[in-house]
Amino acid sequence: MPAKQVLIVEDERPIREMIAFGLRRAGFEVREAEDCRSARLQLADRRPDVLLVDWMLPDMSGLELTRALKRDRDTRELPIILLTARAEESDRVAGLEGGADDYITKPFSPRELVARINAVLRRVSGGDGEERVEFDGLVLDRASHRVTVGDRTVPLGPTEYRMLEFFMTHPERVYSREQLLDRIWGGSVYIEERTIDVHIRRLRKALEAFGYDRFIQTVRGAGYRFSARTG
């Protein structure tokens, strides 16, 4: 199996080289970019499996780049991990709501970064079982990694796709935030429970235009449920 490719977008060369060194030792193929312009040129040439983006970049912020890539049809499914020294909860929420699939605060260890990357890649790769899952006209195709309603495609990022896949294959049952973190992200990586709420909002927003946002139900004091029923 070919090595997974990571593109690092970081303007500080020593940090970029340190990250690249750790990832190469872990078996990844690594490419580097010092700003958003260089990153876009490299993305046009060849798309990586994962994009690591520093928040503070010289030509535009990493969050702005993330938002732009998630709006673009060609790159919206590209997994993005934001790297930043911003540790406030509001910053983490802004990063996730901006389209990032994960958020890691500096300083971090190479082992933690590798674990985060592998967790994102597992979410993107999907799970076992039937290739086609349908729920009241909402169709999830695991082979093509697409979600459709009739002839229209529901635009989802990789984390929202994985979350919807889990919900559609486990309908009618209430799952706590802790259970969703364990089932969707896996138990090997620490993710705050607030992350679930951010991705739930993004999933609902994507489904809203198709009338399926009501299926993602909040059960007060318990968690979330995927159901066509009300109440």
Protein backbone atom coordinates (compact mmCIF):
# COMPACT_ATOMS: atom_id res chain seq x y z
CA MET A 1 0.00 0.00 0.00
CA PRO A 2 1.46 3.41 -0.95
CA ALA A 3 2.33 5.82 1.85
CA LYS A 4 -0.30 8.39 2.77
CA GLN A 5 0.65 11.89 1.69
CA VAL A 6 0.55 14.93 3.97
CA LEU A 7 0.92 18.56 2.87
CA ILE A 8 2.21 20.83 5.66
CA VAL A 9 1.35 24.54 5.35
CA GLU A 10 3.57 26.32 7.89
CA ASP A 11 5.57 29.54 7.39
CA GLU A 12 8.15 28.91 10.14
CA ARG A 13 10.75 26.69 8.53
CA PRO A 14 12.16 25.07 11.72
CA ILE A 15 8.66 24.03 12.83
CA ARG A 16 7.76 22.81 9.35
CA GLU A 17 10.91 20.74 9.08
CA MET A 18 10.43 19.28 12.57
CA ILE A 19 6.89 18.20 11.71
CA ALA A 20 8.02 16.81 8.36
CA PHE A 21 10.81 14.82 10.00
CA GLY A 22 8.43 13.22 12.50
CA LEU A 23 5.88 12.33 9.83
CA ARG A 24 8.47 10.81 7.50
CA ARG A 25 9.72 8.67 10.37
CA ALA A 26 6.13 7.49 10.86
CA GLY A 27 5.94 6.41 7.21
CA PHE A 28 4.14 9.33 5.58
CA GLU A 29 5.09 10.99 2.32
CA VAL A 30 5.46 14.68 3.10
CA ARG A 31 5.25 17.85 1.02
CA GLU A 32 5.73 21.38 2.36
CA ALA A 33 4.33 24.84 1.68
CA GLU A 34 5.28 28.11 3.38
CA ASP A 35 2.09 30.04 2.67
CA CYS A 36 -1.43 29.69 1.28
CA ARG A 37 -0.44 30.60 -2.28
CA SER A 38 2.17 27.85 -2.39
CA ALA A 39 -0.31 25.41 -0.83
CA ARG A 40 -2.90 26.14 -3.50
CA LEU A 41 -0.36 25.58 -6.26
CA GLN A 42 0.59 22.23 -4.78
CA LEU A 43 -3.06 21.25 -4.31
CA ALA A 44 -3.71 22.00 -7.97
CA ASP A 45 -0.77 19.78 -8.91
CA ARG A 46 -1.60 16.82 -6.66
CA ARG A 47 -4.06 16.45 -3.80
CA PRO A 48 -2.67 14.99 -0.55
CA ASP A 49 -4.51 12.63 1.76
CA VAL A 50 -4.39 15.14 4.64
CA LEU A 51 -3.66 18.86 4.87
CA LEU A 52 -1.97 20.31 7.99
CA VAL A 53 -2.51 24.08 8.15
CA ASP A 54 -1.01 26.55 10.59
CA TRP A 55 -3.54 29.18 11.72
CA MET A 56 -1.14 32.14 11.38
CA LEU A 57 0.22 32.41 7.83
CA PRO A 58 1.72 35.46 6.05
CA ASP A 59 -0.70 35.88 3.12
CA MET A 60 -3.98 34.79 4.72
CA SER A 61 -4.96 32.89 7.84
CA GLY A 62 -5.08 29.12 7.87
CA LEU A 63 -8.72 29.37 8.93
CA GLU A 64 -9.51 31.47 5.84
CA LEU A 65 -7.73 28.90 3.67
CA THR A 66 -9.70 26.11 5.33
CA ARG A 67 -13.00 27.88 4.70
CA ALA A 68 -12.08 28.52 1.07
CA LEU A 69 -11.10 24.88 0.46
CA LYS A 70 -14.30 23.58 2.07
CA ARG A 71 -16.36 25.82 -0.23
CA ASP A 72 -14.59 24.49 -3.33
CA ARG A 73 -16.17 21.38 -4.87
CA ASP A 74 -12.76 19.94 -5.77
CA THR A 75 -11.32 20.20 -2.25
CA ARG A 76 -14.25 20.19 0.17
CA GLU A 77 -13.70 16.52 1.04
CA LEU A 78 -9.99 17.05 1.74
CA PRO A 79 -9.33 16.34 5.45
CA ILE A 80 -7.80 19.39 7.17
CA ILE A 81 -6.14 19.62 10.57
CA LEU A 82 -5.48 23.10 11.96
CA LEU A 83 -2.23 23.66 13.87
CA THR A 84 -2.24 26.61 16.24
CA ALA A 85 -1.01 28.13 19.47
CA ARG A 86 -4.56 29.38 20.16
CA ALA A 87 -5.84 27.30 23.05
CA GLU A 88 -9.12 29.06 23.92
CA GLU A 89 -12.31 27.08 23.48
CA SER A 90 -13.73 29.82 21.24
CA ASP A 91 -10.76 29.41 18.89
CA ARG A 92 -11.18 25.63 18.74
CA VAL A 93 -14.87 26.02 17.99
CA ALA A 94 -14.14 28.65 15.31
CA GLY A 95 -11.65 26.29 13.68
CA LEU A 96 -14.05 23.36 13.62
CA GLU A 97 -16.98 25.47 12.46
CA GLY A 98 -14.73 26.90 9.75
CA GLY A 99 -14.43 23.43 8.25
CA ALA A 100 -11.41 21.88 9.97
CA ASP A 101 -11.76 18.16 10.67
CA ASP A 102 -9.50 18.38 13.70
CA TYR A 103 -7.60 20.99 15.72
CA ILE A 104 -4.31 20.49 17.51
CA THR A 105 -2.74 23.03 19.86
CA LYS A 106 0.97 23.79 19.91
CA PRO A 107 3.18 22.50 21.36
CA PHE A 108 2.30 18.93 20.44
CA SER A 109 4.31 15.74 20.29
CA PRO A 110 4.99 13.88 17.03
CA ARG A 111 3.12 10.88 18.45
CA GLU A 112 0.01 12.96 19.12
CA LEU A 113 0.09 14.46 15.63
CA VAL A 114 0.48 11.04 13.99
CA ALA A 115 -2.42 9.71 16.10
CA ARG A 116 -4.62 12.63 15.04
CA ILE A 117 -3.76 12.15 11.37
CA ASN A 118 -4.46 8.42 11.53
CA ALA A 119 -7.79 9.06 13.27
CA VAL A 120 -8.86 11.46 10.52
CA LEU A 121 -7.79 8.97 7.84
CA ARG A 122 -9.82 6.22 9.53
CA ARG A 123 -12.89 8.42 9.50
CA VAL A 124 -12.42 9.18 5.82
CA SER A 125 -11.93 5.53 4.87
CA GLY A 126 -15.33 4.51 6.27
CA GLY A 127 -16.28 1.17 7.75
CA ASP A 128 -17.35 -2.30 6.82
CA GLY A 129 -20.81 -3.49 5.87
CA GLU A 130 -23.24 -2.80 3.07
CA GLU A 131 -21.94 -0.41 0.43
CA ARG A 132 -25.29 1.36 0.06
CA VAL A 133 -27.34 2.62 3.01
CA GLU A 134 -30.73 4.28 2.49
CA PHE A 135 -32.93 6.06 4.98
CA ASP A 136 -36.23 7.55 3.81
CA GLY A 137 -34.77 8.71 0.47
CA LEU A 138 -31.37 9.74 1.84
CA VAL A 139 -28.75 7.47 0.22
CA LEU A 140 -25.19 6.95 1.45
CA ASP A 141 -22.89 5.11 -0.97
CA ARG A 142 -19.75 3.83 0.74
CA ALA A 143 -18.08 2.84 -2.52
CA SER A 144 -18.17 6.35 -3.96
CA HIS A 145 -18.20 8.11 -0.58
CA ARG A 146 -21.21 10.16 -1.68
CA VAL A 147 -24.50 11.05 -0.06
CA THR A 148 -27.39 11.80 -2.39
CA VAL A 149 -31.06 12.74 -2.41
CA GLY A 150 -32.49 11.83 -5.79
CA ASP A 151 -30.02 13.15 -8.34
CA ARG A 152 -28.58 15.79 -5.97
CA THR A 153 -25.39 15.34 -3.94
CA VAL A 154 -25.33 16.39 -0.29
CA PRO A 155 -22.06 18.31 0.26
CA LEU A 156 -20.35 16.82 3.31
CA GLY A 157 -16.86 17.01 4.73
CA PRO A 158 -15.19 13.74 5.75
CA THR A 159 -16.08 14.01 9.43
CA GLU A 160 -19.73 14.83 8.73
CA TYR A 161 -19.84 11.95 6.24
CA ARG A 162 -18.50 9.55 8.88
CA MET A 163 -20.96 10.86 11.47
CA LEU A 164 -23.90 10.51 9.09
CA GLU A 165 -22.73 7.01 8.14
CA PHE A 166 -22.77 6.03 11.80
CA PHE A 167 -26.20 7.55 12.40
CA MET A 168 -27.74 5.96 9.31
CA THR A 169 -26.44 2.52 10.27
CA HIS A 170 -27.55 2.96 13.93
CA PRO A 171 -30.95 4.71 13.73
CA GLU A 172 -33.50 5.22 16.53
CA ARG A 173 -31.00 4.79 19.36
CA VAL A 174 -29.76 7.63 21.57
CA TYR A 175 -25.98 8.03 21.80
CA SER A 176 -24.21 10.21 24.33
CA ARG A 177 -21.43 12.56 23.23
CA GLU A 178 -18.92 10.21 24.84
CA GLN A 179 -20.29 7.23 22.89
CA LEU A 180 -20.23 9.16 19.61
CA LEU A 181 -16.63 10.24 20.22
CA ASP A 182 -15.64 6.64 20.87
CA ARG A 183 -17.53 5.20 17.88
CA ILE A 184 -16.65 7.89 15.32
CA TRP A 185 -13.22 9.12 16.42
CA GLY A 186 -12.03 6.01 18.25
CA GLY A 187 -10.76 5.76 21.79
CA SER A 188 -7.07 6.28 21.01
CA VAL A 189 -7.27 10.04 20.46
CA TYR A 190 -8.38 12.67 22.95
CA ILE A 191 -11.12 14.89 21.52
CA GLU A 192 -13.28 17.23 23.61
CA GLU A 193 -16.99 16.43 23.78
CA ARG A 194 -17.78 19.95 22.51
CA THR A 195 -16.41 18.79 19.16
CA ILE A 196 -19.50 16.62 18.70
CA ASP A 197 -21.81 19.63 18.96
CA VAL A 198 -19.83 21.52 16.31
CA HIS A 199 -20.00 18.64 13.83
CA ILE A 200 -23.68 18.05 14.58
CA ARG A 201 -24.37 21.68 13.62
CA ARG A 202 -22.38 21.30 10.42
CA LEU A 203 -24.17 18.06 9.54
CA ARG A 204 -27.58 19.60 10.18
CA LYS A 205 -26.71 22.61 8.06
CA ALA A 206 -25.67 20.38 5.15
CA LEU A 207 -28.88 18.34 5.42
CA GLU A 208 -31.17 21.35 5.89
CA ALA A 209 -31.44 22.19 2.18
CA PHE A 210 -32.74 18.65 1.57
CA GLY A 211 -35.18 18.57 4.48
CA TYR A 212 -33.30 15.94 6.47
CA ASP A 213 -31.87 18.09 9.27
CA ARG A 214 -34.88 17.17 11.46
CA PHE A 215 -33.64 13.57 11.55
CA ILE A 216 -30.65 14.63 13.69
CA GLN A 217 -32.43 14.95 17.01
CA THR A 218 -31.15 16.28 20.32
CA VAL A 219 -32.31 14.29 23.32
CA ARG A 220 -31.98 16.63 26.28
CA GLY A 221 -29.63 15.33 28.94
CA ALA A 222 -28.82 12.17 26.94
CA GLY A 223 -27.22 12.94 23.56
CA TYR A 224 -28.29 12.58 19.94
CA ARG A 225 -30.51 10.26 17.92
CA PHE A 226 -31.10 9.72 14.18
CA SER A 227 -34.78 9.14 13.58
CA ALA A 228 -37.63 9.95 11.20
CA ARG A 229 -40.02 10.04 14.16
CA THR A 230 -40.67 13.10 16.26
CA GLY A 231 -40.65 13.19 20.02
